[in-house]
Every structure is written in structure tokens, then in C-alpha cells.
């Protein structure tokens, strides 16, 4: 008896009667030999990816049961597309119907004609929303994360892999959460460039922590200049991974916490000039932990200027970071609670490094 496999098909249309095309494709799937369609998601309308100036898409996800092989199913999908008037042009072109084989059981297929799981499904909120409606706990065979978790990383946005950009991965979080330690481990595993904050080179920082608030603007401008140089478009190579132990957007968080009104006014006039020159991250890894645990790490590493940091300051920073990433649309965000994930152990770091590979275009 032939093996019965559960597979998931992504459907999309942005030409003609979109709803009729999607329903027609579902009908043809259900009528095909060796295929059953027990469930489908609701229709989801989305803006087109890649090319502008074309109609919005109607999308859906179908769960199917089939005895076909992945290759035969893929061919069947192409036949249905052709019968419904699909013409194949350049990438991102409009189409009457698009049928993508998203998942085929838990199989991983990389052949000349077929890649399963779909290479960018984890970057598409409309795909993940449909999959979550069908089975939110379904695991991605490569990423080993649930559809629900993958969807949460996108905040409702859709992204594409672009090898023409620097592949900057930024590790974010409050002081003492373990950003630098994780960045070093990940950069070693991935064999990529690492960009670390220049705390020990800032000549004003220790005085600011000691209470000399008149030097706070100098300290923030030192960091702003250094980070803008590190993350400058021209300093990072296209299509190559670089890991930073900070996210550039934290600049305003610290400026608003540490500067007085007059200093902040001056800083906010300079910040936009620097921010336009930096490469945006393609992925953020946002680390969280309790203030108590972060304070323990701060005391353990024993940087003299950090020893007077108060718990309330860390609480405030934590709130600021939560607000920053609450509706972040720049790139996917992998949130990791350190108390639940021990990245001092190889298994946890290896898992994260392997996931990063699916979010970068290299």
C-alpha cells in the first residue's frame, strides 16, 4: 500500500478573478487522483512581494493527504497552474494562480527542480498565518520550530532574502543579558565577521557612570560615531554574514535615558544623519532575562564603571527594548529567554546558528 503523506500547499492569485482562481485550484486538487483536501485556511489578502505596481494577492494554504511522491505532486501542481492560465515570466511577476509545495511531511528535499520545505516560507506571514490556522504546532523540518513561533518572529510582515545586501545579524538586549558572549560563539560557528561594542575604548563612559552627567553627550556621540562606522553600508560586504552584539536602534534608547533635555536635543539633530548610512539587520536575535540574573553577570565580569548600575535602570531598559520590538517591521526577530535557553552549551548555540542560515542570503 502506498504511503499516505500530509503535505501543505500555498495558493496565491493576483490576476483576474482571484477568488475564483484559488477555488478552482482547490477543486482541481480535490478531484485529482491520489489527493484529498481535508482542510484549507481562510483567504488572506496581501501586498505583492518584490515588484510594485501590480494587484494585491489573495492567498490561502491547503492541507492535503496524498500517496504521490513529492516530485509527482510538484508536477501535478504545475499542471494545475498551466490549466488555469498561469504564464511563467520573471520572478515576482503577476500570475493568475501560484501553487507552492510548502511542506511534504517532515521531508527535506534539495534537488534541481524542487526544494522542500519552501525556502522562504518562514519569511511570509501570510503563509504562516494560514499554516497556523491548520496546525499551529506543526514543526518546520529544518528550523525545528513551530509555525506559531515562526509567525511570531515576523510581527505580521513579509520578507525576502536579498543577497545584494550585507547580511547583518544583530544580537539585542539589556546590559548583562549575554549579547557579546552569544555573538562570539555564533560568529565562531558561522565563520563570519563580528562587530563588538567599544565599551572599553569610550573615554567618557566611566565618568558618566560615576555621575559626571555633563559628559553624557560626549559618551553617546562616541558610541554613535563608532557604531555608524562599524555598520556603514560600505564597511560590510554584500551577501556575507556579519554579527553585531547590538542593534543600532538602541542608540535612542540610551540617549533618552542618559541625556538631559538640552543634550538630547543636540543628539537628536545628529542621529538621523548617522542612521541613514547604516546597514539594516536582516535578522535580530533579542535576548531577555531577569534583571537579577543580568546584575549577577554584570558583577561577575567586574567592569568597574558598571558596578553601580541600579536594578531600576535595567528595568527601564527592558521596558524600552520591549517597546522597540513590540511592532518591529525591519526584519524577523528571534526572541530568546536566556533563563530557558542555555547558550553556554553547544547544543543551544548550534541550534540557533543553524536557524540563522535560513534567514540570510548567502
Protein backbone atom coordinates (compact mmCIF):
# COMPACT_ATOMS: atom_id res chain seq x y z
CA UNK A 1 0.00 0.00 0.00
CA UNK A 2 1.36 3.44 -0.99
CA UNK A 3 2.45 5.70 1.85
CA UNK A 4 -0.01 8.47 2.74
CA UNK A 5 1.72 11.82 3.34
CA UNK A 6 0.32 15.04 4.73
CA UNK A 7 1.52 17.99 2.67
CA UNK A 8 0.75 21.71 2.66
CA UNK A 9 0.18 23.79 -0.47
CA UNK A 10 0.37 27.58 -0.67
CA UNK A 11 -2.07 29.16 -3.13
CA UNK A 12 -1.97 32.71 -4.47
CA UNK A 13 -3.57 34.79 -7.21
CA UNK A 14 -3.43 38.46 -8.20
CA UNK A 15 -4.82 38.47 -11.76
CA UNK A 16 -8.40 38.17 -12.94
CA UNK A 17 -11.00 36.75 -10.57
CA UNK A 18 -8.58 35.90 -7.77
CA UNK A 19 -11.08 34.12 -5.57
CA UNK A 20 -12.34 32.02 -8.47
CA UNK A 21 -8.76 31.03 -9.39
CA UNK A 22 -7.94 29.92 -5.84
CA UNK A 23 -11.19 27.99 -5.51
CA UNK A 24 -10.67 26.46 -8.95
CA UNK A 25 -7.21 25.24 -7.97
CA UNK A 26 -8.57 23.74 -4.74
CA UNK A 27 -11.32 21.98 -6.70
CA UNK A 28 -8.80 20.51 -9.14
CA UNK A 29 -6.63 19.33 -6.28
CA UNK A 30 -9.57 17.66 -4.58
CA UNK A 31 -10.59 15.95 -7.82
CA UNK A 32 -7.09 14.70 -8.60
CA UNK A 33 -6.33 11.03 -8.22
CA UNK A 34 -4.33 10.17 -5.09
CA UNK A 35 -5.04 13.56 -3.46
CA UNK A 36 -7.54 14.56 -0.78
CA UNK A 37 -8.02 18.09 0.58
CA UNK A 38 -9.44 17.82 4.10
CA UNK A 39 -8.84 21.42 5.19
CA UNK A 40 -7.99 24.88 3.89
CA UNK A 41 -7.21 28.14 5.62
CA UNK A 42 -9.19 31.33 5.16
CA UNK A 43 -8.34 33.63 2.25
CA UNK A 44 -5.70 36.22 3.14
CA UNK A 45 -5.12 39.40 1.09
CA UNK A 46 -1.54 40.67 0.87
CA UNK A 47 0.52 43.23 -0.98
CA UNK A 48 2.81 41.80 -3.69
CA UNK A 49 6.40 40.96 -2.83
CA UNK A 50 9.32 42.11 -4.92
CA UNK A 51 7.69 44.09 -7.71
CA UNK A 52 5.38 47.02 -7.03
CA UNK A 53 2.66 48.35 -9.36
CA UNK A 54 0.67 45.13 -9.51
CA UNK A 55 -2.57 43.98 -7.86
CA UNK A 56 -2.71 42.59 -4.34
CA UNK A 57 -2.78 38.82 -3.83
CA UNK A 58 -5.38 36.52 -2.40
CA UNK A 59 -3.60 33.68 -0.59
CA UNK A 60 -4.56 30.51 1.20
CA UNK A 61 -2.97 27.31 2.49
CA UNK A 62 -4.38 23.85 1.87
CA UNK A 63 -3.66 20.70 3.84
CA UNK A 64 -3.68 17.65 1.58
CA UNK A 65 -3.30 13.91 2.01
CA UNK A 66 -1.59 12.18 -0.88
CA UNK A 67 0.07 8.95 -1.95
CA UNK A 68 2.04 10.80 -4.63
CA UNK A 69 5.76 11.37 -4.25
CA UNK A 70 6.88 14.96 -3.65
CA UNK A 71 8.19 15.15 -7.22
CA UNK A 72 4.93 13.88 -8.72
CA UNK A 73 2.91 16.23 -6.53
CA UNK A 74 5.09 19.14 -7.64
CA UNK A 75 4.43 18.21 -11.29
CA UNK A 76 0.71 17.98 -10.60
CA UNK A 77 0.73 21.50 -9.13
CA UNK A 78 2.48 22.82 -12.23
CA UNK A 79 -0.12 21.14 -14.45
CA UNK A 80 -2.96 22.77 -12.49
CA UNK A 81 -1.26 26.17 -12.77
CA UNK A 82 -0.98 25.78 -16.54
CA UNK A 83 -4.59 24.69 -16.93
CA UNK A 84 -5.73 27.78 -15.02
CA UNK A 85 -3.81 30.12 -17.30
CA UNK A 86 -0.56 30.59 -15.42
CA UNK A 87 2.17 32.01 -17.66
CA UNK A 88 5.72 31.83 -16.37
CA UNK A 89 7.69 35.06 -16.67
CA UNK A 90 10.33 36.66 -14.48
CA UNK A 91 10.34 36.29 -10.71
CA UNK A 92 7.71 38.32 -8.82
CA UNK A 93 5.57 38.78 -11.94
CA UNK A 94 1.75 38.79 -11.58
CA UNK A 95 0.01 35.45 -12.02
CA UNK A 96 -3.48 34.01 -12.24
CA UNK A 97 -2.53 31.22 -9.86
CA UNK A 98 0.55 30.17 -7.95
CA UNK A 99 0.79 26.79 -6.21
CA UNK A 100 3.78 26.22 -3.92
CA UNK A 101 4.64 22.94 -2.21
CA UNK A 102 5.39 24.27 1.27
CA UNK A 103 5.82 21.07 3.26
CA UNK A 104 5.79 17.37 2.41
CA UNK A 105 5.53 15.54 5.70
CA UNK A 106 8.80 16.15 7.52
CA UNK A 107 10.89 15.51 4.42
CA UNK A 108 13.80 17.76 3.42
CA UNK A 109 14.33 17.80 -0.35
CA UNK A 110 17.01 19.73 -2.23
CA UNK A 111 17.02 18.75 -5.89
CA UNK A 112 17.50 20.65 -9.13
CA UNK A 113 13.74 21.12 -9.55
CA UNK A 114 12.37 21.07 -6.02
CA UNK A 115 13.22 22.49 -2.59
CA UNK A 116 11.11 21.39 0.39
CA UNK A 117 10.40 22.97 2.79
CA UNK A 118 9.79 26.02 0.60
CA UNK A 119 12.95 28.07 1.02
CA UNK A 120 11.29 31.31 2.14
CA UNK A 121 8.03 30.14 3.72
CA UNK A 122 9.30 31.12 7.18
CA UNK A 123 9.61 34.73 5.94
CA UNK A 124 5.99 35.01 4.80
CA UNK A 125 3.41 36.00 7.39
CA UNK A 126 0.55 35.17 5.03
CA UNK A 127 1.86 31.61 4.61
CA UNK A 128 2.49 31.12 8.32
CA UNK A 129 -0.90 32.57 9.24
CA UNK A 130 -2.58 30.01 7.00
CA UNK A 131 -0.47 27.19 8.40
CA UNK A 132 -1.23 28.28 11.96
CA UNK A 133 -4.95 28.10 11.23
CA UNK A 134 -4.45 24.49 10.18
CA UNK A 135 -1.83 23.36 12.72
CA UNK A 136 -0.04 25.98 14.82
CA UNK A 137 2.15 23.33 16.47
CA UNK A 138 3.39 21.88 13.18
CA UNK A 139 7.21 21.80 13.16
CA UNK A 140 9.33 23.17 10.35
CA UNK A 141 11.59 20.24 9.32
CA UNK A 142 14.73 22.39 9.03
CA UNK A 143 14.25 25.09 11.66
CA UNK A 144 12.71 22.67 14.20
CA UNK A 145 10.33 25.38 15.38
CA UNK A 146 6.53 25.53 15.32
CA UNK A 147 4.57 27.54 12.79
CA UNK A 148 3.28 29.62 15.67
CA UNK A 149 6.83 30.51 16.76
CA UNK A 150 7.93 31.29 13.21
CA UNK A 151 4.91 33.54 12.68
CA UNK A 152 5.62 35.45 15.90
CA UNK A 153 9.08 36.34 14.58
CA UNK A 154 7.61 38.37 11.71
CA UNK A 155 5.14 40.66 13.52
CA UNK A 156 2.75 40.34 10.59
CA UNK A 157 5.29 41.47 7.97
CA UNK A 158 6.66 39.63 4.93
CA UNK A 159 10.34 39.49 3.99
CA UNK A 160 12.57 38.27 1.17
CA UNK A 161 16.17 37.06 1.03
CA UNK A 162 18.33 39.62 -0.77
CA UNK A 163 21.97 38.67 -1.49
CA UNK A 164 22.68 42.20 -2.71
CA UNK A 165 22.58 43.48 0.88
CA UNK A 166 25.00 42.95 3.78
CA UNK A 167 23.68 40.02 5.81
CA UNK A 168 23.83 41.75 9.20
CA UNK A 169 22.55 39.76 12.18
CA UNK A 170 22.21 41.85 15.35
CA UNK A 171 22.02 40.46 18.88
CA UNK A 172 19.99 42.78 21.12
CA UNK A 173 19.09 43.03 24.80
CA UNK A 174 19.79 44.92 28.01
CA UNK A 175 23.15 45.21 29.74
CA UNK A 176 24.32 41.89 31.17
CA UNK A 177 21.96 39.64 29.21
CA UNK A 178 24.81 37.89 27.37
CA UNK A 179 24.88 39.57 23.96
CA UNK A 180 28.64 39.59 23.48
CA UNK A 181 29.13 36.00 24.67
CA UNK A 182 26.49 34.74 22.26
CA UNK A 183 27.80 36.89 19.39
CA UNK A 184 31.29 35.46 19.78
CA UNK A 185 30.04 31.87 19.90
CA UNK A 186 27.79 32.32 16.87
CA UNK A 187 30.43 34.11 14.80
CA UNK A 188 32.86 31.27 15.51
CA UNK A 189 30.31 28.67 14.42
CA UNK A 190 29.33 30.58 11.29
CA UNK A 191 32.87 31.68 10.44
CA UNK A 192 31.77 35.27 9.96
CA UNK A 193 32.78 38.80 10.86
CA UNK A 194 31.90 40.00 14.36
CA UNK A 195 31.21 43.62 15.35
CA UNK A 196 31.51 44.33 19.06
CA UNK A 197 30.66 47.44 21.05
CA UNK A 198 33.68 49.52 22.03
CA UNK A 199 32.87 49.89 25.72
CA UNK A 200 36.49 49.78 26.82
CA UNK A 201 37.51 52.39 24.24
CA UNK A 202 34.96 55.01 25.25
CA UNK A 203 36.97 57.61 27.24
CA UNK A 204 33.84 59.16 28.76
CA UNK A 205 31.86 56.12 29.87
CA UNK A 206 33.38 55.52 33.30
CA UNK A 207 32.97 59.19 34.23
CA UNK A 208 29.34 59.17 33.13
CA UNK A 209 28.60 56.09 35.25
CA UNK A 210 30.42 57.82 38.11
CA UNK A 211 27.93 60.68 37.94
CA UNK A 212 29.52 63.23 35.60
CA UNK A 213 26.36 63.87 33.60
CA UNK A 214 27.95 66.75 31.71
CA UNK A 215 29.95 64.13 29.74
CA UNK A 216 26.92 62.03 28.83
CA UNK A 217 26.54 63.65 25.39
CA UNK A 218 30.22 63.08 24.60
CA UNK A 219 29.85 59.43 25.59
CA UNK A 220 26.75 58.90 23.46
CA UNK A 221 28.30 60.63 20.46
CA UNK A 222 31.38 58.41 20.78
CA UNK A 223 29.18 55.32 20.63
CA UNK A 224 27.06 56.76 17.81
CA UNK A 225 30.14 57.54 15.69
CA UNK A 226 31.77 54.16 16.35
CA UNK A 227 28.63 52.15 15.60
CA UNK A 228 27.87 54.17 12.48
CA UNK A 229 31.36 53.38 11.21
CA UNK A 230 31.03 49.67 12.01
CA UNK A 231 27.62 49.33 10.36
CA UNK A 232 28.22 51.64 7.41
CA UNK A 233 26.92 50.21 4.13
CA UNK A 234 30.38 50.45 2.64
CA UNK A 235 32.05 48.67 5.58
CA UNK A 236 30.02 45.46 5.24
CA UNK A 237 30.25 43.12 2.27
CA UNK A 238 27.17 42.23 0.24
CA UNK A 239 25.98 38.67 0.67
CA UNK A 240 28.24 37.96 3.65
CA UNK A 241 27.15 37.43 7.25
CA UNK A 242 28.27 39.85 9.94
CA UNK A 243 27.23 39.54 13.59
CA UNK A 244 26.93 42.53 15.92
CA UNK A 245 26.36 42.42 19.67
CA UNK A 246 23.98 45.37 19.49
CA UNK A 247 21.18 46.74 17.33
CA UNK A 248 21.74 50.28 16.08
CA UNK A 249 18.25 51.38 17.13
CA UNK A 250 19.30 51.08 20.78
CA UNK A 251 21.09 54.41 20.37
CA UNK A 252 17.95 56.40 21.00
CA UNK A 253 17.02 54.18 23.95
CA UNK A 254 20.21 55.03 25.82
CA UNK A 255 20.25 58.67 24.71
CA UNK A 256 16.77 59.24 26.09
CA UNK A 257 17.69 57.55 29.37
CA UNK A 258 21.07 59.20 29.93
CA UNK A 259 20.90 62.70 28.40
CA UNK A 260 19.26 65.80 29.79
CA UNK A 261 16.82 67.78 27.64
CA UNK A 262 19.45 70.09 26.15
CA UNK A 263 21.87 67.25 25.40
CA UNK A 264 19.11 65.14 23.87
CA UNK A 265 18.04 68.00 21.61
CA UNK A 266 21.58 68.21 20.24
CA UNK A 267 21.88 64.44 19.92
CA UNK A 268 18.60 64.05 18.05
CA UNK A 269 19.80 66.53 15.42
CA UNK A 270 22.90 64.41 14.74
CA UNK A 271 21.37 60.93 15.00
CA UNK A 272 19.34 60.99 11.73
CA UNK A 273 22.45 61.84 9.72
CA UNK A 274 24.27 58.77 11.05
CA UNK A 275 21.27 56.43 10.86
CA UNK A 276 20.84 56.92 7.10
CA UNK A 277 24.30 55.46 6.45
CA UNK A 278 23.99 52.17 8.31
CA UNK A 279 23.05 48.73 7.01
CA UNK A 280 19.77 47.46 8.43
CA UNK A 281 19.84 43.99 10.01
CA UNK A 282 18.30 41.07 8.13
CA UNK A 283 17.72 39.33 11.47
CA UNK A 284 17.63 40.34 15.13
CA UNK A 285 18.18 37.91 17.99
CA UNK A 286 16.54 39.54 21.01
CA UNK A 287 17.73 38.14 24.33
CA UNK A 288 15.79 38.59 27.56
CA UNK A 289 16.39 37.60 31.16
CA UNK A 290 15.50 38.75 34.65
CA UNK A 291 17.13 41.89 35.99
CA UNK A 292 18.55 39.84 38.87
CA UNK A 293 20.34 37.45 36.51
CA UNK A 294 21.67 40.32 34.42
CA UNK A 295 23.02 42.06 37.54
CA UNK A 296 24.78 38.85 38.56
CA UNK A 297 26.54 38.73 35.19
CA UNK A 298 27.46 42.41 35.44
CA UNK A 299 29.03 41.88 38.84
CA UNK A 300 30.79 38.72 37.72
CA UNK A 301 32.51 40.32 34.72
CA UNK A 302 33.55 43.15 37.05
CA UNK A 303 33.80 46.16 34.76
CA UNK A 304 34.41 48.90 37.35
CA UNK A 305 32.15 51.50 35.71
CA UNK A 306 29.18 49.08 35.68
CA UNK A 307 29.18 48.11 39.34
CA UNK A 308 26.86 50.94 40.40
CA UNK A 309 24.15 50.10 37.87
CA UNK A 310 20.81 50.06 39.68
CA UNK A 311 18.09 47.44 39.12
CA UNK A 312 15.60 50.17 38.16
CA UNK A 313 17.84 51.30 35.30
CA UNK A 314 17.82 47.77 33.89
CA UNK A 315 14.06 47.54 34.37
CA UNK A 316 13.65 50.76 32.40
CA UNK A 317 15.93 49.49 29.63
CA UNK A 318 13.99 46.24 29.48
CA UNK A 319 10.75 48.19 29.04
CA UNK A 320 12.34 50.28 26.29
CA UNK A 321 13.53 47.19 24.40
CA UNK A 322 10.11 45.59 24.68
CA UNK A 323 8.56 48.70 23.19
CA UNK A 324 11.18 48.76 20.41
CA UNK A 325 10.44 45.19 19.32
CA UNK A 326 6.69 45.18 20.01
CA UNK A 327 5.90 46.04 16.39
CA UNK A 328 9.31 45.72 14.72
CA UNK A 329 8.98 45.53 10.93
CA UNK A 330 12.60 45.90 9.79
CA UNK A 331 13.39 42.18 9.80
CA UNK A 332 12.48 38.94 11.60
CA UNK A 333 13.15 38.84 15.34
CA UNK A 334 14.09 35.63 17.16
CA UNK A 335 13.22 36.13 20.81
CA UNK A 336 15.12 34.00 23.31
CA UNK A 337 14.65 33.99 27.06
CA UNK A 338 18.09 33.16 28.42
CA UNK A 339 16.76 31.56 31.60
CA UNK A 340 15.02 28.97 29.39
CA UNK A 341 17.85 28.55 26.85
CA UNK A 342 21.39 27.83 27.95
CA UNK A 343 23.60 29.15 25.16
CA UNK A 344 26.72 28.36 27.13
CA UNK A 345 26.11 24.80 25.94
CA UNK A 346 26.95 23.78 22.39
CA UNK A 347 23.53 22.30 21.55
CA UNK A 348 21.66 25.56 22.11
CA UNK A 349 24.15 27.64 20.16
CA UNK A 350 24.33 25.12 17.32
CA UNK A 351 20.55 25.17 17.00
CA UNK A 352 20.50 28.96 16.79
CA UNK A 353 23.39 29.07 14.31
CA UNK A 354 21.57 26.62 12.05
CA UNK A 355 18.45 28.77 12.18
CA UNK A 356 20.37 31.90 11.23
CA UNK A 357 21.37 30.21 7.96
CA UNK A 358 17.73 30.20 6.88
CA UNK A 359 17.34 33.94 7.46
CA UNK A 360 20.37 35.14 5.48
CA UNK A 361 21.07 35.15 1.74
CA UNK A 362 24.48 33.56 1.36
